[in-house]
Amino acid sequence: MRTPSYTMEINNFSQRNAPIRSNLFRSYSCNWYVTVYPKGNGINTHMSMYLDVANSLALYQGWGRRAKFRFVIVNQSNVARSKRLATSHTFNKTWPNLGFKKALRLTKLQEEMFLVNDKLKVEVYVYVYDIMGILDTHVLPEKDTTVCVNGFQVLDSQVKSANIIFETYPETALYIYPQDPQLKTAYMNILLRIYETLYNNPLEKLTESELSKVSKDLLDLTQAGFKLEWLREKLEKVSVERKKLAGYEAQALELGKQLKNLELMMCNLKAEIKLKAES
């Protein structure tokens, strides 16, 4: 079975109203993204979904990709009953997207168990069979394998941390403002960096400047709509523990100095006693 070009997972799907845009993904030397309309695009009985070429405004006349693509709306209780939508299209500057206005009737989402824990899963398959114009140079690199976690594209090495965050604190990214996939990825990278700093770095390696930067980054994420009270509490706890450790280190340093002074005094005293004995 062919591996999907991209897998999109959307949490709290039944609560979503605004269009949801996926992160960018690469297929056949081209960047793409998927747009899902949970309550339909100009229609209120079906969800809608479309495949788009990224940065379509920057495309030049003569650029084109003839492609076949397929959406699989996964029935997570019975994969055999998944909804499959397939078509072909010549993507170009004039017509950079195509999709399905009536992708799936909304009543079927619940009735036929497409949603599990209110999560929708969509697999995207793209096959480009004709290229017009030069190959794209500004495409996502292939060297880093990415995975979609809770609607965010993360590296393989980040999946474990991302899963821990969303499973333990599911409210974290429910109401974020940015929908641009690249901006969402940038914010997610900041969140994962903060998580790594506070949860996995030894206290003795943390500096005041690092903790200050974490505080500023937390403020930026909060202003973008992330719910991070749990992470703010962790920062406060780590800051207190780091100050205690710094105090212990200062005490140890002072004791070390005192010990050296005592050793020097003992050395001088021994020399003085020896000198008196010889005289």
C-alpha atoms as a PDB file:
ATOM      1  CA  MET A   1       0.000   0.000   0.000  1.00  0.00           C
ATOM      2  CA  ARG A   2       1.322   3.443  -0.941  1.00  0.00           C
ATOM      3  CA  THR A   3       2.373   5.752   1.886  1.00  0.00           C
ATOM      4  CA  PRO A   4       0.309   8.962   2.108  1.00  0.00           C
ATOM      5  CA  SER A   5       1.985  12.146   0.914  1.00  0.00           C
ATOM      6  CA  TYR A   6       0.607  13.749   4.047  1.00  0.00           C
ATOM      7  CA  THR A   7      -1.637  12.867   6.980  1.00  0.00           C
ATOM      8  CA  MET A   8      -3.747  15.568   8.579  1.00  0.00           C
ATOM      9  CA  GLU A   9      -5.288  15.141  12.021  1.00  0.00           C
ATOM     10  CA  ILE A  10      -7.747  17.684  13.418  1.00  0.00           C
ATOM     11  CA  ASN A  11      -8.737  17.595  17.083  1.00  0.00           C
ATOM     12  CA  ASN A  12     -12.094  18.883  18.393  1.00  0.00           C
ATOM     13  CA  PHE A  13     -13.377  18.772  14.842  1.00  0.00           C
ATOM     14  CA  SER A  14     -17.073  19.129  15.663  1.00  0.00           C
ATOM     15  CA  GLN A  15     -16.301  22.378  17.530  1.00  0.00           C
ATOM     16  CA  ARG A  16     -14.446  23.959  14.604  1.00  0.00           C
ATOM     17  CA  ASN A  17     -16.144  26.483  12.333  1.00  0.00           C
ATOM     18  CA  ALA A  18     -13.365  28.377  10.560  1.00  0.00           C
ATOM     19  CA  PRO A  19     -11.370  26.877   7.671  1.00  0.00           C
ATOM     20  CA  ILE A  20      -8.393  24.790   8.803  1.00  0.00           C
ATOM     21  CA  ARG A  21      -5.218  24.886   6.768  1.00  0.00           C
ATOM     22  CA  SER A  22      -2.619  22.150   7.084  1.00  0.00           C
ATOM     23  CA  ASN A  23       1.112  22.593   7.317  1.00  0.00           C
ATOM     24  CA  LEU A  24       3.072  22.558   4.097  1.00  0.00           C
ATOM     25  CA  PHE A  25       4.180  19.198   2.798  1.00  0.00           C
ATOM     26  CA  ARG A  26       6.413  18.235  -0.090  1.00  0.00           C
ATOM     27  CA  SER A  27       5.463  15.896  -2.908  1.00  0.00           C
ATOM     28  CA  TYR A  28       7.144  15.634  -6.302  1.00  0.00           C
ATOM     29  CA  SER A  29       9.395  18.664  -5.695  1.00  0.00           C
ATOM     30  CA  CYS A  30       6.452  20.909  -4.942  1.00  0.00           C
ATOM     31  CA  ASN A  31       4.994  22.365  -1.735  1.00  0.00           C
ATOM     32  CA  TRP A  32       1.307  21.747  -1.054  1.00  0.00           C
ATOM     33  CA  TYR A  33      -1.231  22.250   1.691  1.00  0.00           C
ATOM     34  CA  VAL A  34      -4.793  21.123   2.400  1.00  0.00           C
ATOM     35  CA  THR A  35      -7.673  23.371   3.442  1.00  0.00           C
ATOM     36  CA  VAL A  36     -10.603  21.818   5.300  1.00  0.00           C
ATOM     37  CA  TYR A  37     -13.915  23.586   5.897  1.00  0.00           C
ATOM     38  CA  PRO A  38     -15.486  21.799   8.895  1.00  0.00           C
ATOM     39  CA  LYS A  39     -18.929  23.332   8.287  1.00  0.00           C
ATOM     40  CA  GLY A  40     -18.687  23.473   4.507  1.00  0.00           C
ATOM     41  CA  ASN A  41     -17.610  26.049   1.944  1.00  0.00           C
ATOM     42  CA  GLY A  42     -20.785  27.783   0.797  1.00  0.00           C
ATOM     43  CA  ILE A  43     -22.797  24.763   1.872  1.00  0.00           C
ATOM     44  CA  ASN A  44     -23.901  23.770   5.377  1.00  0.00           C
ATOM     45  CA  THR A  45     -24.674  20.080   4.866  1.00  0.00           C
ATOM     46  CA  HIS A  46     -21.196  18.791   4.014  1.00  0.00           C
ATOM     47  CA  MET A  47     -17.597  19.387   5.010  1.00  0.00           C
ATOM     48  CA  SER A  48     -15.386  20.631   2.174  1.00  0.00           C
ATOM     49  CA  MET A  49     -11.698  20.124   1.428  1.00  0.00           C
ATOM     50  CA  TYR A  50      -9.199  21.307  -1.164  1.00  0.00           C
ATOM     51  CA  LEU A  51      -5.618  20.709  -2.263  1.00  0.00           C
ATOM     52  CA  ASP A  52      -3.620  23.914  -2.879  1.00  0.00           C
ATOM     53  CA  VAL A  53      -0.223  24.743  -4.315  1.00  0.00           C
ATOM     54  CA  ALA A  54       1.762  26.738  -1.759  1.00  0.00           C
ATOM     55  CA  ASN A  55       2.710  30.362  -2.515  1.00  0.00           C
ATOM     56  CA  SER A  56       0.457  30.436  -5.563  1.00  0.00           C
ATOM     57  CA  LEU A  57       0.769  34.225  -5.908  1.00  0.00           C
ATOM     58  CA  ALA A  58       4.490  33.801  -6.546  1.00  0.00           C
ATOM     59  CA  LEU A  59       3.987  31.325  -9.412  1.00  0.00           C
ATOM     60  CA  TYR A  60       4.899  32.527 -12.887  1.00  0.00           C
ATOM     61  CA  GLN A  61       2.886  32.145 -16.075  1.00  0.00           C
ATOM     62  CA  GLY A  62       3.815  28.828 -17.651  1.00  0.00           C
ATOM     63  CA  TRP A  63       4.299  27.039 -14.315  1.00  0.00           C
ATOM     64  CA  GLY A  64       2.116  23.968 -14.073  1.00  0.00           C
ATOM     65  CA  ARG A  65       1.773  20.530 -12.504  1.00  0.00           C
ATOM     66  CA  ARG A  66      -0.578  17.902 -13.860  1.00  0.00           C
ATOM     67  CA  ALA A  67      -1.450  15.747 -10.905  1.00  0.00           C
ATOM     68  CA  LYS A  68      -3.773  13.066  -9.666  1.00  0.00           C
ATOM     69  CA  PHE A  69      -4.687  13.350  -6.020  1.00  0.00           C
ATOM     70  CA  ARG A  70      -6.847  11.550  -3.537  1.00  0.00           C
ATOM     71  CA  PHE A  71      -8.266  12.344  -0.120  1.00  0.00           C
ATOM     72  CA  VAL A  72      -9.082   9.498   2.251  1.00  0.00           C
ATOM     73  CA  ILE A  73     -11.310  10.558   5.133  1.00  0.00           C
ATOM     74  CA  VAL A  74     -10.423   7.752   7.498  1.00  0.00           C
ATOM     75  CA  ASN A  75     -13.235   5.935   9.293  1.00  0.00           C
ATOM     76  CA  GLN A  76     -11.290   5.230  12.457  1.00  0.00           C
ATOM     77  CA  SER A  77     -13.737   2.597  13.721  1.00  0.00           C
ATOM     78  CA  ASN A  78     -13.825   0.704  10.417  1.00  0.00           C
ATOM     79  CA  VAL A  79     -11.091   1.605   7.911  1.00  0.00           C
ATOM     80  CA  ALA A  80     -12.879  -0.284   5.137  1.00  0.00           C
ATOM     81  CA  ARG A  81     -15.691   2.282   5.324  1.00  0.00           C
ATOM     82  CA  SER A  82     -13.379   5.263   4.836  1.00  0.00           C
ATOM     83  CA  LYS A  83     -14.503   7.880   2.318  1.00  0.00           C
ATOM     84  CA  ARG A  84     -12.248   8.150  -0.756  1.00  0.00           C
ATOM     85  CA  LEU A  85     -12.293  11.164  -3.058  1.00  0.00           C
ATOM     86  CA  ALA A  86     -10.088  11.233  -6.150  1.00  0.00           C
ATOM     87  CA  THR A  87      -9.623  13.508  -9.132  1.00  0.00           C
ATOM     88  CA  SER A  88      -6.971  15.044 -11.388  1.00  0.00           C
ATOM     89  CA  HIS A  89      -6.129  18.625 -12.156  1.00  0.00           C
ATOM     90  CA  THR A  90      -3.612  20.885 -13.848  1.00  0.00           C
ATOM     91  CA  PHE A  91      -2.412  23.170 -11.074  1.00  0.00           C
ATOM     92  CA  ASN A  92      -1.159  26.543 -12.297  1.00  0.00           C
ATOM     93  CA  LYS A  93      -1.070  30.249 -11.438  1.00  0.00           C
ATOM     94  CA  THR A  94      -4.642  30.792 -12.592  1.00  0.00           C
ATOM     95  CA  TRP A  95      -6.102  27.712 -10.935  1.00  0.00           C
ATOM     96  CA  PRO A  96      -3.814  26.700  -8.051  1.00  0.00           C
ATOM     97  CA  ASN A  97      -6.310  24.555  -6.149  1.00  0.00           C
ATOM     98  CA  LEU A  98      -9.060  22.000  -6.529  1.00  0.00           C
ATOM     99  CA  GLY A  99     -11.127  19.931  -4.160  1.00  0.00           C
ATOM    100  CA  PHE A 100     -14.512  18.708  -3.103  1.00  0.00           C
ATOM    101  CA  LYS A 101     -17.313  20.983  -1.942  1.00  0.00           C
ATOM    102  CA  LYS A 102     -19.337  17.985  -0.775  1.00  0.00           C
ATOM    103  CA  ALA A 103     -16.525  15.897   0.674  1.00  0.00           C
ATOM    104  CA  LEU A 104     -18.632  14.205   3.351  1.00  0.00           C
ATOM    105  CA  ARG A 105     -22.108  14.818   4.746  1.00  0.00           C
ATOM    106  CA  LEU A 106     -21.793  16.234   8.256  1.00  0.00           C
ATOM    107  CA  THR A 107     -24.372  13.869   9.730  1.00  0.00           C
ATOM    108  CA  LYS A 108     -22.211  10.904   8.667  1.00  0.00           C
ATOM    109  CA  LEU A 109     -19.237  12.107  10.720  1.00  0.00           C
ATOM    110  CA  GLN A 110     -20.909  11.015  13.947  1.00  0.00           C
ATOM    111  CA  GLU A 111     -23.357   8.428  12.629  1.00  0.00           C
ATOM    112  CA  GLU A 112     -20.708   6.367  10.841  1.00  0.00           C
ATOM    113  CA  MET A 113     -17.981   6.879  13.455  1.00  0.00           C
ATOM    114  CA  PHE A 114     -15.519   8.875  11.347  1.00  0.00           C
ATOM    115  CA  LEU A 115     -14.596  10.794  14.485  1.00  0.00           C
ATOM    116  CA  VAL A 116     -12.854   9.165  17.433  1.00  0.00           C
ATOM    117  CA  ASN A 117     -12.568  11.410  20.487  1.00  0.00           C
ATOM    118  CA  ASP A 118     -13.727  14.179  18.142  1.00  0.00           C
ATOM    119  CA  LYS A 119     -10.589  13.784  15.986  1.00  0.00           C
ATOM    120  CA  LEU A 120     -10.755  13.711  12.190  1.00  0.00           C
ATOM    121  CA  LYS A 121      -8.007  11.999  10.212  1.00  0.00           C
ATOM    122  CA  VAL A 122      -7.423  12.645   6.504  1.00  0.00           C
ATOM    123  CA  GLU A 123      -4.788  10.995   4.322  1.00  0.00           C
ATOM    124  CA  VAL A 124      -3.610  12.868   1.223  1.00  0.00           C
ATOM    125  CA  TYR A 125      -2.068  11.184  -1.813  1.00  0.00           C
ATOM    126  CA  VAL A 126      -0.525  13.295  -4.588  1.00  0.00           C
ATOM    127  CA  TYR A 127       0.938  11.955  -7.838  1.00  0.00           C
ATOM    128  CA  VAL A 128       2.399  14.446 -10.327  1.00  0.00           C
ATOM    129  CA  TYR A 129       2.664  12.971 -13.820  1.00  0.00           C
ATOM    130  CA  ASP A 130       3.611  16.030 -15.878  1.00  0.00           C
ATOM    131  CA  ILE A 131       5.752  19.058 -15.033  1.00  0.00           C
ATOM    132  CA  MET A 132       5.498  22.314 -16.965  1.00  0.00           C
ATOM    133  CA  GLY A 133       8.139  24.945 -16.358  1.00  0.00           C
ATOM    134  CA  ILE A 134      11.268  24.574 -14.271  1.00  0.00           C
ATOM    135  CA  LEU A 135      11.459  22.569 -11.061  1.00  0.00           C
ATOM    136  CA  ASP A 136      10.756  24.486  -7.863  1.00  0.00           C
ATOM    137  CA  THR A 137      13.832  25.493  -5.915  1.00  0.00           C
ATOM    138  CA  HIS A 138      12.136  26.697  -2.714  1.00  0.00           C
ATOM    139  CA  VAL A 139      10.633  23.450  -1.505  1.00  0.00           C
ATOM    140  CA  LEU A 140      10.692  21.782   1.869  1.00  0.00           C
ATOM    141  CA  PRO A 141      13.877  19.716   2.422  1.00  0.00           C
ATOM    142  CA  GLU A 142      13.569  15.959   2.238  1.00  0.00           C
ATOM    143  CA  LYS A 143      16.272  15.173   4.770  1.00  0.00           C
ATOM    144  CA  ASP A 144      14.033  15.724   7.820  1.00  0.00           C
ATOM    145  CA  THR A 145      11.044  13.410   8.102  1.00  0.00           C
ATOM    146  CA  THR A 146       8.053  15.182   9.574  1.00  0.00           C
ATOM    147  CA  VAL A 147       4.885  13.879  11.183  1.00  0.00           C
ATOM    148  CA  CYS A 148       1.574  15.634  11.768  1.00  0.00           C
ATOM    149  CA  VAL A 149       0.758  15.708  15.492  1.00  0.00           C
ATOM    150  CA  ASN A 150      -2.451  17.428  16.580  1.00  0.00           C
ATOM    151  CA  GLY A 151      -2.443  19.539  13.425  1.00  0.00           C
ATOM    152  CA  PHE A 152       1.226  20.557  13.745  1.00  0.00           C
ATOM    153  CA  GLN A 153       4.057  19.325  11.580  1.00  0.00           C
ATOM    154  CA  VAL A 154       6.949  18.158  13.787  1.00  0.00           C
ATOM    155  CA  LEU A 155      10.177  16.258  13.219  1.00  0.00           C
ATOM    156  CA  ASP A 156      10.414  12.570  14.058  1.00  0.00           C
ATOM    157  CA  SER A 157      12.677  13.453  16.969  1.00  0.00           C
ATOM    158  CA  GLN A 158       9.999  15.777  18.371  1.00  0.00           C
ATOM    159  CA  VAL A 159       7.016  13.420  18.148  1.00  0.00           C
ATOM    160  CA  LYS A 160       7.422  11.964  21.656  1.00  0.00           C
ATOM    161  CA  SER A 161       7.521  15.381  23.326  1.00  0.00           C
ATOM    162  CA  ALA A 162       4.637  16.695  21.204  1.00  0.00           C
ATOM    163  CA  ASN A 163       2.472  13.682  22.084  1.00  0.00           C
ATOM    164  CA  ILE A 164       3.221  14.129  25.791  1.00  0.00           C
ATOM    165  CA  ILE A 165       2.195  17.790  25.609  1.00  0.00           C
ATOM    166  CA  PHE A 166      -1.104  17.220  23.803  1.00  0.00           C
ATOM    167  CA  GLU A 167      -2.070  14.104  25.742  1.00  0.00           C
ATOM    168  CA  THR A 168      -1.306  15.673  29.135  1.00  0.00           C
ATOM    169  CA  TYR A 169      -2.498  19.199  28.349  1.00  0.00           C
ATOM    170  CA  PRO A 170      -5.047  18.894  25.484  1.00  0.00           C
ATOM    171  CA  GLU A 171      -6.121  22.536  25.846  1.00  0.00           C
ATOM    172  CA  THR A 172      -2.655  23.797  24.847  1.00  0.00           C
ATOM    173  CA  ALA A 173      -3.379  24.703  21.209  1.00  0.00           C
ATOM    174  CA  LEU A 174      -7.173  24.653  20.953  1.00  0.00           C
ATOM    175  CA  TYR A 175      -7.598  28.358  20.338  1.00  0.00           C
ATOM    176  CA  ILE A 176      -4.431  29.597  18.665  1.00  0.00           C
ATOM    177  CA  TYR A 177      -4.779  32.513  16.267  1.00  0.00           C
ATOM    178  CA  PRO A 178      -2.266  31.840  13.463  1.00  0.00           C
ATOM    179  CA  GLN A 179      -3.569  29.589  10.688  1.00  0.00           C
ATOM    180  CA  ASP A 180      -0.611  29.998   8.359  1.00  0.00           C
ATOM    181  CA  PRO A 181       1.076  26.569   8.408  1.00  0.00           C
ATOM    182  CA  GLN A 182       4.617  27.937   8.441  1.00  0.00           C
ATOM    183  CA  LEU A 183       3.822  30.257  11.337  1.00  0.00           C
ATOM    184  CA  LYS A 184       2.152  27.401  13.229  1.00  0.00           C
ATOM    185  CA  THR A 185       5.257  25.274  12.722  1.00  0.00           C
ATOM    186  CA  ALA A 186       7.467  28.109  13.980  1.00  0.00           C
ATOM    187  CA  TYR A 187       5.366  28.488  17.129  1.00  0.00           C
ATOM    188  CA  MET A 188       5.387  24.732  17.683  1.00  0.00           C
ATOM    189  CA  ASN A 189       9.175  24.657  17.444  1.00  0.00           C
ATOM    190  CA  ILE A 190       9.352  27.372  20.123  1.00  0.00           C
ATOM    191  CA  LEU A 191       6.984  25.406  22.371  1.00  0.00           C
ATOM    192  CA  LEU A 192       8.982  22.191  21.978  1.00  0.00           C
ATOM    193  CA  ARG A 193      12.246  24.047  22.647  1.00  0.00           C
ATOM    194  CA  ILE A 194      10.794  25.465  25.878  1.00  0.00           C
ATOM    195  CA  TYR A 195       9.545  22.012  26.872  1.00  0.00           C
ATOM    196  CA  GLU A 196      12.972  20.514  26.240  1.00  0.00           C
ATOM    197  CA  THR A 197      14.669  23.281  28.237  1.00  0.00           C
ATOM    198  CA  LEU A 198      12.417  23.014  31.295  1.00  0.00           C
ATOM    199  CA  TYR A 199      11.843  19.272  31.425  1.00  0.00           C
ATOM    200  CA  ASN A 200      14.983  17.650  30.068  1.00  0.00           C
ATOM    201  CA  ASN A 201      17.907  20.006  30.759  1.00  0.00           C
ATOM    202  CA  PRO A 202      19.831  19.548  34.051  1.00  0.00           C
ATOM    203  CA  LEU A 203      19.375  22.467  36.459  1.00  0.00           C
ATOM    204  CA  GLU A 204      23.092  23.132  36.665  1.00  0.00           C
ATOM    205  CA  LYS A 205      23.231  23.775  32.911  1.00  0.00           C
ATOM    206  CA  LEU A 206      20.449  26.371  32.907  1.00  0.00           C
ATOM    207  CA  THR A 207      21.438  30.027  33.008  1.00  0.00           C
ATOM    208  CA  GLU A 208      19.483  33.110  34.017  1.00  0.00           C
ATOM    209  CA  SER A 209      19.576  34.360  30.423  1.00  0.00           C
ATOM    210  CA  GLU A 210      18.073  31.088  29.154  1.00  0.00           C
ATOM    211  CA  LEU A 211      15.249  31.242  31.693  1.00  0.00           C
ATOM    212  CA  SER A 212      14.645  34.887  30.802  1.00  0.00           C
ATOM    213  CA  LYS A 213      14.342  33.935  27.120  1.00  0.00           C
ATOM    214  CA  VAL A 214      11.928  31.124  28.018  1.00  0.00           C
ATOM    215  CA  SER A 215       9.768  33.662  29.861  1.00  0.00           C
ATOM    216  CA  LYS A 216       9.703  35.977  26.830  1.00  0.00           C
ATOM    217  CA  ASP A 217       8.898  33.092  24.449  1.00  0.00           C
ATOM    218  CA  LEU A 218       6.073  31.971  26.739  1.00  0.00           C
ATOM    219  CA  LEU A 219       4.578  35.450  26.535  1.00  0.00           C
ATOM    220  CA  ASP A 220       4.750  35.375  22.725  1.00  0.00           C
ATOM    221  CA  LEU A 221       3.040  31.972  22.606  1.00  0.00           C
ATOM    222  CA  THR A 222       0.354  33.082  25.042  1.00  0.00           C
ATOM    223  CA  GLN A 223      -0.403  36.145  22.918  1.00  0.00           C
ATOM    224  CA  ALA A 224      -0.789  33.796  19.927  1.00  0.00           C
ATOM    225  CA  GLY A 225      -3.527  31.909  21.793  1.00  0.00           C
ATOM    226  CA  PHE A 226      -1.659  29.010  23.381  1.00  0.00           C
ATOM    227  CA  LYS A 227      -2.900  27.940  26.827  1.00  0.00           C
ATOM    228  CA  LEU A 228       0.317  27.498  28.772  1.00  0.00           C
ATOM    229  CA  GLU A 229      -0.488  27.985  32.451  1.00  0.00           C
ATOM    230  CA  TRP A 230       1.042  24.564  33.102  1.00  0.00           C
ATOM    231  CA  LEU A 231       4.290  25.588  31.437  1.00  0.00           C
ATOM    232  CA  ARG A 232       4.392  28.932  33.262  1.00  0.00           C
ATOM    233  CA  GLU A 233       4.076  27.036  36.570  1.00  0.00           C
ATOM    234  CA  LYS A 234       6.921  24.749  35.495  1.00  0.00           C
ATOM    235  CA  LEU A 235       9.098  27.784  34.666  1.00  0.00           C
ATOM    236  CA  GLU A 236       8.427  29.303  38.097  1.00  0.00           C
ATOM    237  CA  LYS A 237       9.297  26.003  39.789  1.00  0.00           C
ATOM    238  CA  VAL A 238      12.511  25.588  37.775  1.00  0.00           C
ATOM    239  CA  SER A 239      13.488  29.222  38.455  1.00  0.00           C
ATOM    240  CA  VAL A 240      13.075  28.702  42.215  1.00  0.00           C
ATOM    241  CA  GLU A 241      15.040  25.448  42.117  1.00  0.00           C
ATOM    242  CA  ARG A 242      17.759  27.089  40.011  1.00  0.00           C
ATOM    243  CA  LYS A 243      18.079  29.948  42.537  1.00  0.00           C
ATOM    244  CA  LYS A 244      18.353  27.434  45.373  1.00  0.00           C
ATOM    245  CA  LEU A 245      21.005  25.550  43.442  1.00  0.00           C
ATOM    246  CA  ALA A 246      22.849  28.802  42.746  1.00  0.00           C
ATOM    247  CA  GLY A 247      22.735  29.517  46.494  1.00  0.00           C
ATOM    248  CA  TYR A 248      24.130  26.084  47.298  1.00  0.00           C
ATOM    249  CA  GLU A 249      26.835  26.564  44.677  1.00  0.00           C
ATOM    250  CA  ALA A 250      27.764  29.942  46.190  1.00  0.00           C
ATOM    251  CA  GLN A 251      27.919  28.392  49.662  1.00  0.00           C
ATOM    252  CA  ALA A 252      30.066  25.549  48.370  1.00  0.00           C
ATOM    253  CA  LEU A 253      32.380  28.041  46.687  1.00  0.00           C
ATOM    254  CA  GLU A 254      32.692  30.056  49.890  1.00  0.00           C
ATOM    255  CA  LEU A 255      33.350  26.912  51.933  1.00  0.00           C
ATOM    256  CA  GLY A 256      35.983  25.920  49.398  1.00  0.00           C
ATOM    257  CA  LYS A 257      37.714  29.275  49.829  1.00  0.00           C
ATOM    258  CA  GLN A 258      37.587  28.939  53.629  1.00  0.00           C
ATOM    259  CA  LEU A 259      39.020  25.429  53.393  1.00  0.00           C
ATOM    260  CA  LYS A 260      41.903  26.657  51.265  1.00  0.00           C
ATOM    261  CA  ASN A 261      42.591  29.432  53.762  1.00  0.00           C
ATOM    262  CA  LEU A 262      42.632  26.878  56.599  1.00  0.00           C
ATOM    263  CA  GLU A 263      44.984  24.644  54.625  1.00  0.00           C
ATOM    264  CA  LEU A 264      47.263  27.631  54.019  1.00  0.00           C
ATOM    265  CA  MET A 265      47.175  28.544  57.707  1.00  0.00           C
ATOM    266  CA  MET A 266      47.999  24.934  58.662  1.00  0.00           C
ATOM    267  CA  CYS A 267      50.875  24.904  56.202  1.00  0.00           C
ATOM    268  CA  ASN A 268      52.270  28.176  57.593  1.00  0.00           C
ATOM    269  CA  LEU A 269      51.840  26.940  61.169  1.00  0.00           C
ATOM    270  CA  LYS A 270      53.699  23.694  60.410  1.00  0.00           C
ATOM    271  CA  ALA A 271      56.535  25.668  58.792  1.00  0.00           C
ATOM    272  CA  GLU A 272      56.738  27.975  61.794  1.00  0.00           C
ATOM    273  CA  ILE A 273      56.833  25.036  64.257  1.00  0.00           C
ATOM    274  CA  LYS A 274      59.533  23.321  62.190  1.00  0.00           C
ATOM    275  CA  LEU A 275      61.582  26.515  62.081  1.00  0.00           C
ATOM    276  CA  LYS A 276      61.402  26.929  65.862  1.00  0.00           C
ATOM    277  CA  ALA A 277      62.373  23.282  66.413  1.00  0.00           C
ATOM    278  CA  GLU A 278      65.458  23.623  64.214  1.00  0.00           C
ATOM    279  CA  SER A 279      66.582  26.770  66.007  1.00  0.00           C
END
